[in-house]
Amino acid sequence: MSMTQLARPQTDDQQITEIVARLRRRYPPQRISSPDLEQLVDGFYHQLSAAPIRTFVAILAERLTRASIENPAPAAGTPS
């Protein structure tokens, strides 16, 4: 395989855009607004991006976002 056949690594912004697109197909705007979804993905992604091994950052960010949507934390001051 030559160097020109190797896939170029995606930038962080490209990975975030792809994660948001996948999750948008899974969760309708009635479930989570686009700005909120983008903010969640971006936040989790950048939290993980300082890891020394970045291979799984996108996968983990997507899973954390899904878990956050599926099981939202109660708002501060809200009795559980």
PDB file of N, CA and C in Angstrom:
ATOM      1  N   MET A   1       0.844  -1.169   0.000  1.00  0.00           N
ATOM      2  CA  MET A   1       0.000   0.000   0.000  1.00  0.00           C
ATOM      3  C   MET A   1       0.892   1.235   0.000  1.00  0.00           C
ATOM      4  N   SER A   2       0.647   2.138  -0.912  1.00  0.00           N
ATOM      5  CA  SER A   2       1.472   3.335  -1.002  1.00  0.00           C
ATOM      6  C   SER A   2       0.963   4.397  -0.033  1.00  0.00           C
ATOM      7  N   MET A   3       1.771   5.412   0.178  1.00  0.00           N
ATOM      8  CA  MET A   3       1.399   6.493   1.086  1.00  0.00           C
ATOM      9  C   MET A   3       0.161   7.230   0.592  1.00  0.00           C
ATOM     10  N   THR A   4      -0.026   7.303  -0.721  1.00  0.00           N
ATOM     11  CA  THR A   4      -1.189   8.024  -1.239  1.00  0.00           C
ATOM     12  C   THR A   4      -2.479   7.241  -1.015  1.00  0.00           C
ATOM     13  N   GLN A   5      -2.392   5.929  -0.785  1.00  0.00           N
ATOM     14  CA  GLN A   5      -3.579   5.117  -0.551  1.00  0.00           C
ATOM     15  C   GLN A   5      -4.009   5.116   0.916  1.00  0.00           C
ATOM     16  N   LEU A   6      -3.129   5.544   1.793  1.00  0.00           N
ATOM     17  CA  LEU A   6      -3.464   5.576   3.210  1.00  0.00           C
ATOM     18  C   LEU A   6      -4.459   6.700   3.474  1.00  0.00           C
ATOM     19  N   ALA A   7      -5.419   6.419   4.305  1.00  0.00           N
ATOM     20  CA  ALA A   7      -6.408   7.438   4.652  1.00  0.00           C
ATOM     21  C   ALA A   7      -5.762   8.490   5.542  1.00  0.00           C
ATOM     22  N   ARG A   8      -6.089   9.721   5.262  1.00  0.00           N
ATOM     23  CA  ARG A   8      -5.587  10.800   6.110  1.00  0.00           C
ATOM     24  C   ARG A   8      -6.381  10.812   7.403  1.00  0.00           C
ATOM     25  N   PRO A   9      -5.717  11.060   8.511  1.00  0.00           N
ATOM     26  CA  PRO A   9      -6.464  11.146   9.761  1.00  0.00           C
ATOM     27  C   PRO A   9      -7.416  12.339   9.703  1.00  0.00           C
ATOM     28  N   GLN A  10      -8.578  12.156  10.302  1.00  0.00           N
ATOM     29  CA  GLN A  10      -9.550  13.249  10.330  1.00  0.00           C
ATOM     30  C   GLN A  10      -9.160  14.258  11.400  1.00  0.00           C
ATOM     31  N   THR A  11      -9.534  15.502  11.147  1.00  0.00           N
ATOM     32  CA  THR A  11      -9.305  16.529  12.158  1.00  0.00           C
ATOM     33  C   THR A  11     -10.350  16.359  13.261  1.00  0.00           C
ATOM     34  N   ASP A  12     -10.105  17.005  14.388  1.00  0.00           N
ATOM     35  CA  ASP A  12     -11.069  16.955  15.479  1.00  0.00           C
ATOM     36  C   ASP A  12     -12.430  17.463  15.005  1.00  0.00           C
ATOM     37  N   ASP A  13     -12.431  18.582  14.281  1.00  0.00           N
ATOM     38  CA  ASP A  13     -13.699  19.155  13.811  1.00  0.00           C
ATOM     39  C   ASP A  13     -14.450  18.199  12.893  1.00  0.00           C
ATOM     40  N   GLN A  14     -13.732  17.482  12.040  1.00  0.00           N
ATOM     41  CA  GLN A  14     -14.378  16.513  11.149  1.00  0.00           C
ATOM     42  C   GLN A  14     -14.999  15.377  11.959  1.00  0.00           C
ATOM     43  N   GLN A  15     -14.270  14.895  12.951  1.00  0.00           N
ATOM     44  CA  GLN A  15     -14.799  13.810  13.778  1.00  0.00           C
ATOM     45  C   GLN A  15     -16.023  14.268  14.560  1.00  0.00           C
ATOM     46  N   ILE A  16     -15.972  15.462  15.116  1.00  0.00           N
ATOM     47  CA  ILE A  16     -17.108  15.998  15.865  1.00  0.00           C
ATOM     48  C   ILE A  16     -18.320  16.139  14.945  1.00  0.00           C
ATOM     49  N   THR A  17     -18.109  16.641  13.733  1.00  0.00           N
ATOM     50  CA  THR A  17     -19.199  16.795  12.762  1.00  0.00           C
ATOM     51  C   THR A  17     -19.832  15.448  12.434  1.00  0.00           C
ATOM     52  N   GLU A  18     -19.027  14.416  12.258  1.00  0.00           N
ATOM     53  CA  GLU A  18     -19.549  13.086  11.956  1.00  0.00           C
ATOM     54  C   GLU A  18     -20.327  12.501  13.132  1.00  0.00           C
ATOM     55  N   ILE A  19     -19.820  12.692  14.343  1.00  0.00           N
ATOM     56  CA  ILE A  19     -20.521  12.192  15.530  1.00  0.00           C
ATOM     57  C   ILE A  19     -21.884  12.872  15.644  1.00  0.00           C
ATOM     58  N   VAL A  20     -21.907  14.197  15.485  1.00  0.00           N
ATOM     59  CA  VAL A  20     -23.164  14.941  15.572  1.00  0.00           C
ATOM     60  C   VAL A  20     -24.142  14.439  14.506  1.00  0.00           C
ATOM     61  N   ALA A  21     -23.665  14.203  13.294  1.00  0.00           N
ATOM     62  CA  ALA A  21     -24.537  13.733  12.209  1.00  0.00           C
ATOM     63  C   ALA A  21     -25.130  12.356  12.545  1.00  0.00           C
ATOM     64  N   ARG A  22     -24.304  11.456  13.070  1.00  0.00           N
ATOM     65  CA  ARG A  22     -24.810  10.128  13.439  1.00  0.00           C
ATOM     66  C   ARG A  22     -25.854  10.217  14.551  1.00  0.00           C
ATOM     67  N   LEU A  23     -25.552  11.024  15.557  1.00  0.00           N
ATOM     68  CA  LEU A  23     -26.473  11.148  16.677  1.00  0.00           C
ATOM     69  C   LEU A  23     -27.738  11.907  16.283  1.00  0.00           C
ATOM     70  N   ARG A  24     -27.645  12.824  15.351  1.00  0.00           N
ATOM     71  CA  ARG A  24     -28.825  13.553  14.878  1.00  0.00           C
ATOM     72  C   ARG A  24     -29.802  12.585  14.210  1.00  0.00           C
ATOM     73  N   ARG A  25     -29.274  11.589  13.494  1.00  0.00           N
ATOM     74  CA  ARG A  25     -30.139  10.579  12.879  1.00  0.00           C
ATOM     75  C   ARG A  25     -30.810   9.719  13.944  1.00  0.00           C
ATOM     76  N   ARG A  26     -30.151   9.532  15.065  1.00  0.00           N
ATOM     77  CA  ARG A  26     -30.678   8.676  16.132  1.00  0.00           C
ATOM     78  C   ARG A  26     -31.659   9.422  17.047  1.00  0.00           C
ATOM     79  N   TYR A  27     -31.372  10.685  17.313  1.00  0.00           N
ATOM     80  CA  TYR A  27     -32.178  11.470  18.250  1.00  0.00           C
ATOM     81  C   TYR A  27     -32.809  12.660  17.525  1.00  0.00           C
ATOM     82  N   PRO A  28     -34.139  12.687  17.444  1.00  0.00           N
ATOM     83  CA  PRO A  28     -34.814  13.792  16.750  1.00  0.00           C
ATOM     84  C   PRO A  28     -34.693  15.100  17.539  1.00  0.00           C
ATOM     85  N   PRO A  29     -34.932  16.220  16.872  1.00  0.00           N
ATOM     86  CA  PRO A  29     -34.837  17.522  17.557  1.00  0.00           C
ATOM     87  C   PRO A  29     -35.787  17.648  18.744  1.00  0.00           C
ATOM     88  N   GLN A  30     -36.873  16.864  18.757  1.00  0.00           N
ATOM     89  CA  GLN A  30     -37.777  16.906  19.898  1.00  0.00           C
ATOM     90  C   GLN A  30     -37.114  16.318  21.142  1.00  0.00           C
ATOM     91  N   ARG A  31     -36.150  15.448  20.940  1.00  0.00           N
ATOM     92  CA  ARG A  31     -35.440  14.801  22.054  1.00  0.00           C
ATOM     93  C   ARG A  31     -34.297  15.668  22.565  1.00  0.00           C
ATOM     94  N   ILE A  32     -33.523  16.242  21.626  1.00  0.00           N
ATOM     95  CA  ILE A  32     -32.407  17.126  21.985  1.00  0.00           C
ATOM     96  C   ILE A  32     -32.186  18.094  20.825  1.00  0.00           C
ATOM     97  N   SER A  33     -32.070  19.365  21.140  1.00  0.00           N
ATOM     98  CA  SER A  33     -31.882  20.373  20.092  1.00  0.00           C
ATOM     99  C   SER A  33     -30.494  20.236  19.466  1.00  0.00           C
ATOM    100  N   SER A  34     -30.371  20.712  18.257  1.00  0.00           N
ATOM    101  CA  SER A  34     -29.071  20.646  17.576  1.00  0.00           C
ATOM    102  C   SER A  34     -27.977  21.372  18.349  1.00  0.00           C
ATOM    103  N   PRO A  35     -28.231  22.597  18.834  1.00  0.00           N
ATOM    104  CA  PRO A  35     -27.172  23.265  19.608  1.00  0.00           C
ATOM    105  C   PRO A  35     -26.773  22.485  20.864  1.00  0.00           C
ATOM    106  N   ASP A  36     -27.776  21.898  21.546  1.00  0.00           N
ATOM    107  CA  ASP A  36     -27.452  21.112  22.748  1.00  0.00           C
ATOM    108  C   ASP A  36     -26.656  19.865  22.403  1.00  0.00           C
ATOM    109  N   LEU A  37     -27.026  19.206  21.317  1.00  0.00           N
ATOM    110  CA  LEU A  37     -26.303  18.010  20.875  1.00  0.00           C
ATOM    111  C   LEU A  37     -24.860  18.364  20.524  1.00  0.00           C
ATOM    112  N   GLU A  38     -24.695  19.426  19.755  1.00  0.00           N
ATOM    113  CA  GLU A  38     -23.343  19.849  19.371  1.00  0.00           C
ATOM    114  C   GLU A  38     -22.509  20.211  20.597  1.00  0.00           C
ATOM    115  N   GLN A  39     -23.132  20.869  21.563  1.00  0.00           N
ATOM    116  CA  GLN A  39     -22.415  21.254  22.781  1.00  0.00           C
ATOM    117  C   GLN A  39     -21.991  20.021  23.585  1.00  0.00           C
ATOM    118  N   LEU A  40     -22.872  19.034  23.698  1.00  0.00           N
ATOM    119  CA  LEU A  40     -22.525  17.804  24.415  1.00  0.00           C
ATOM    120  C   LEU A  40     -21.363  17.082  23.755  1.00  0.00           C
ATOM    121  N   VAL A  41     -21.473  16.870  22.432  1.00  0.00           N
ATOM    122  CA  VAL A  41     -20.415  16.160  21.707  1.00  0.00           C
ATOM    123  C   VAL A  41     -19.094  16.907  21.837  1.00  0.00           C
ATOM    124  N   ASP A  42     -19.129  18.210  21.599  1.00  0.00           N
ATOM    125  CA  ASP A  42     -17.911  19.014  21.670  1.00  0.00           C
ATOM    126  C   ASP A  42     -17.290  18.949  23.067  1.00  0.00           C
ATOM    127  N   GLY A  43     -18.130  19.048  24.091  1.00  0.00           N
ATOM    128  CA  GLY A  43     -17.620  19.005  25.455  1.00  0.00           C
ATOM    129  C   GLY A  43     -16.963  17.681  25.804  1.00  0.00           C
ATOM    130  N   PHE A  44     -17.660  16.571  25.495  1.00  0.00           N
ATOM    131  CA  PHE A  44     -17.072  15.261  25.783  1.00  0.00           C
ATOM    132  C   PHE A  44     -15.811  15.025  24.944  1.00  0.00           C
ATOM    133  N   TYR A  45     -15.857  15.411  23.682  1.00  0.00           N
ATOM    134  CA  TYR A  45     -14.709  15.201  22.796  1.00  0.00           C
ATOM    135  C   TYR A  45     -13.480  15.935  23.334  1.00  0.00           C
ATOM    136  N   HIS A  46     -13.669  17.196  23.687  1.00  0.00           N
ATOM    137  CA  HIS A  46     -12.516  17.970  24.161  1.00  0.00           C
ATOM    138  C   HIS A  46     -12.055  17.548  25.557  1.00  0.00           C
ATOM    139  N   GLN A  47     -12.960  17.011  26.351  1.00  0.00           N
ATOM    140  CA  GLN A  47     -12.558  16.450  27.653  1.00  0.00           C
ATOM    141  C   GLN A  47     -11.584  15.294  27.452  1.00  0.00           C
ATOM    142  N   LEU A  48     -11.853  14.488  26.446  1.00  0.00           N
ATOM    143  CA  LEU A  48     -11.041  13.299  26.188  1.00  0.00           C
ATOM    144  C   LEU A  48      -9.822  13.579  25.308  1.00  0.00           C
ATOM    145  N   SER A  49      -9.791  14.700  24.648  1.00  0.00           N
ATOM    146  CA  SER A  49      -8.751  14.951  23.651  1.00  0.00           C
ATOM    147  C   SER A  49      -7.352  15.134  24.242  1.00  0.00           C
ATOM    148  N   ALA A  50      -7.258  15.322  25.531  1.00  0.00           N
ATOM    149  CA  ALA A  50      -5.938  15.463  26.159  1.00  0.00           C
ATOM    150  C   ALA A  50      -5.296  14.110  26.459  1.00  0.00           C
ATOM    151  N   ALA A  51      -6.019  13.042  26.188  1.00  0.00           N
ATOM    152  CA  ALA A  51      -5.491  11.701  26.462  1.00  0.00           C
ATOM    153  C   ALA A  51      -4.243  11.440  25.621  1.00  0.00           C
ATOM    154  N   PRO A  52      -3.253  10.770  26.198  1.00  0.00           N
ATOM    155  CA  PRO A  52      -2.024  10.498  25.448  1.00  0.00           C
ATOM    156  C   PRO A  52      -2.265   9.590  24.239  1.00  0.00           C
ATOM    157  N   ILE A  53      -3.220   8.705  24.332  1.00  0.00           N
ATOM    158  CA  ILE A  53      -3.568   7.843  23.202  1.00  0.00           C
ATOM    159  C   ILE A  53      -4.944   8.277  22.736  1.00  0.00           C
ATOM    160  N   ARG A  54      -5.016   8.815  21.526  1.00  0.00           N
ATOM    161  CA  ARG A  54      -6.244   9.437  21.043  1.00  0.00           C
ATOM    162  C   ARG A  54      -7.051   8.543  20.107  1.00  0.00           C
ATOM    163  N   THR A  55      -6.659   7.308  19.956  1.00  0.00           N
ATOM    164  CA  THR A  55      -7.300   6.410  19.005  1.00  0.00           C
ATOM    165  C   THR A  55      -8.803   6.302  19.216  1.00  0.00           C
ATOM    166  N   PHE A  56      -9.253   6.260  20.441  1.00  0.00           N
ATOM    167  CA  PHE A  56     -10.663   6.011  20.726  1.00  0.00           C
ATOM    168  C   PHE A  56     -11.424   7.236  21.218  1.00  0.00           C
ATOM    169  N   VAL A  57     -10.862   8.411  21.080  1.00  0.00           N
ATOM    170  CA  VAL A  57     -11.508   9.635  21.570  1.00  0.00           C
ATOM    171  C   VAL A  57     -12.884   9.813  20.941  1.00  0.00           C
ATOM    172  N   ALA A  58     -13.000   9.671  19.627  1.00  0.00           N
ATOM    173  CA  ALA A  58     -14.284   9.885  18.946  1.00  0.00           C
ATOM    174  C   ALA A  58     -15.328   8.869  19.412  1.00  0.00           C
ATOM    175  N   ILE A  59     -14.933   7.612  19.528  1.00  0.00           N
ATOM    176  CA  ILE A  59     -15.865   6.568  19.955  1.00  0.00           C
ATOM    177  C   ILE A  59     -16.342   6.825  21.381  1.00  0.00           C
ATOM    178  N   LEU A  60     -15.420   7.151  22.260  1.00  0.00           N
ATOM    179  CA  LEU A  60     -15.787   7.406  23.657  1.00  0.00           C
ATOM    180  C   LEU A  60     -16.664   8.648  23.785  1.00  0.00           C
ATOM    181  N   ALA A  61     -16.348   9.700  23.028  1.00  0.00           N
ATOM    182  CA  ALA A  61     -17.158  10.920  23.068  1.00  0.00           C
ATOM    183  C   ALA A  61     -18.582  10.631  22.607  1.00  0.00           C
ATOM    184  N   GLU A  62     -18.726   9.813  21.565  1.00  0.00           N
ATOM    185  CA  GLU A  62     -20.058   9.465  21.071  1.00  0.00           C
ATOM    186  C   GLU A  62     -20.824   8.646  22.116  1.00  0.00           C
ATOM    187  N   ARG A  63     -20.169   7.699  22.731  1.00  0.00           N
ATOM    188  CA  ARG A  63     -20.828   6.866  23.751  1.00  0.00           C
ATOM    189  C   ARG A  63     -21.234   7.686  24.972  1.00  0.00           C
ATOM    190  N   LEU A  64     -20.370   8.589  25.407  1.00  0.00           N
ATOM    191  CA  LEU A  64     -20.702   9.442  26.550  1.00  0.00           C
ATOM    192  C   LEU A  64     -21.879  10.355  26.222  1.00  0.00           C
ATOM    193  N   THR A  65     -21.912  10.865  25.004  1.00  0.00           N
ATOM    194  CA  THR A  65     -23.028  11.721  24.587  1.00  0.00           C
ATOM    195  C   THR A  65     -24.327  10.931  24.581  1.00  0.00           C
ATOM    196  N   ARG A  66     -24.303   9.726  23.999  1.00  0.00           N
ATOM    197  CA  ARG A  66     -25.513   8.886  23.979  1.00  0.00           C
ATOM    198  C   ARG A  66     -25.990   8.593  25.397  1.00  0.00           C
ATOM    199  N   ALA A  67     -25.064   8.248  26.278  1.00  0.00           N
ATOM    200  CA  ALA A  67     -25.428   7.945  27.664  1.00  0.00           C
ATOM    201  C   ALA A  67     -26.031   9.177  28.342  1.00  0.00           C
ATOM    202  N   SER A  68     -25.493  10.345  28.050  1.00  0.00           N
ATOM    203  CA  SER A  68     -25.997  11.580  28.632  1.00  0.00           C
ATOM    204  C   SER A  68     -27.409  11.895  28.149  1.00  0.00           C
ATOM    205  N   ILE A  69     -27.687  11.597  26.881  1.00  0.00           N
ATOM    206  CA  ILE A  69     -29.028  11.830  26.335  1.00  0.00           C
ATOM    207  C   ILE A  69     -30.009  10.806  26.899  1.00  0.00           C
ATOM    208  N   GLU A  70     -29.586   9.562  26.960  1.00  0.00           N
ATOM    209  CA  GLU A  70     -30.467   8.483  27.440  1.00  0.00           C
ATOM    210  C   GLU A  70     -30.767   8.592  28.936  1.00  0.00           C
ATOM    211  N   ASN A  71     -29.794   9.038  29.709  1.00  0.00           N
ATOM    212  CA  ASN A  71     -29.929   9.117  31.169  1.00  0.00           C
ATOM    213  C   ASN A  71     -29.477  10.484  31.656  1.00  0.00           C
ATOM    214  N   PRO A  72     -30.269  11.523  31.392  1.00  0.00           N
ATOM    215  CA  PRO A  72     -29.835  12.870  31.785  1.00  0.00           C
ATOM    216  C   PRO A  72     -29.756  13.016  33.302  1.00  0.00           C
ATOM    217  N   ALA A  73     -28.785  13.767  33.746  1.00  0.00           N
ATOM    218  CA  ALA A  73     -28.634  14.035  35.179  1.00  0.00           C
ATOM    219  C   ALA A  73     -29.734  15.017  35.589  1.00  0.00           C
ATOM    220  N   PRO A  74     -30.262  14.863  36.793  1.00  0.00           N
ATOM    221  CA  PRO A  74     -31.278  15.825  37.243  1.00  0.00           C
ATOM    222  C   PRO A  74     -30.684  17.220  37.358  1.00  0.00           C
ATOM    223  N   ALA A  75     -31.492  18.218  37.083  1.00  0.00           N
ATOM    224  CA  ALA A  75     -31.033  19.599  37.175  1.00  0.00           C
ATOM    225  C   ALA A  75     -30.686  19.917  38.636  1.00  0.00           C
ATOM    226  N   ALA A  76     -29.746  20.824  38.805  1.00  0.00           N
ATOM    227  CA  ALA A  76     -29.337  21.226  40.154  1.00  0.00           C
ATOM    228  C   ALA A  76     -30.540  21.780  40.907  1.00  0.00           C
ATOM    229  N   GLY A  77     -30.693  21.368  42.138  1.00  0.00           N
ATOM    230  CA  GLY A  77     -31.787  21.837  42.954  1.00  0.00           C
ATOM    231  C   GLY A  77     -33.096  21.079  42.743  1.00  0.00           C
ATOM    232  N   THR A  78     -33.078  20.117  41.808  1.00  0.00           N
ATOM    233  CA  THR A  78     -34.267  19.308  41.553  1.00  0.00           C
ATOM    234  C   THR A  78     -34.214  18.080  42.426  1.00  0.00           C
ATOM    235  N   PRO A  79     -35.251  17.824  43.209  1.00  0.00           N
ATOM    236  CA  PRO A  79     -35.221  16.605  44.029  1.00  0.00           C
ATOM    237  C   PRO A  79     -35.226  15.361  43.165  1.00  0.00           C
ATOM    238  N   SER A  80     -34.450  14.357  43.555  1.00  0.00           N
ATOM    239  CA  SER A  80     -34.391  13.137  42.755  1.00  0.00           C
ATOM    240  C   SER A  80     -35.444  12.142  43.146  1.00  0.00           C
TER     241      SER A  80
END
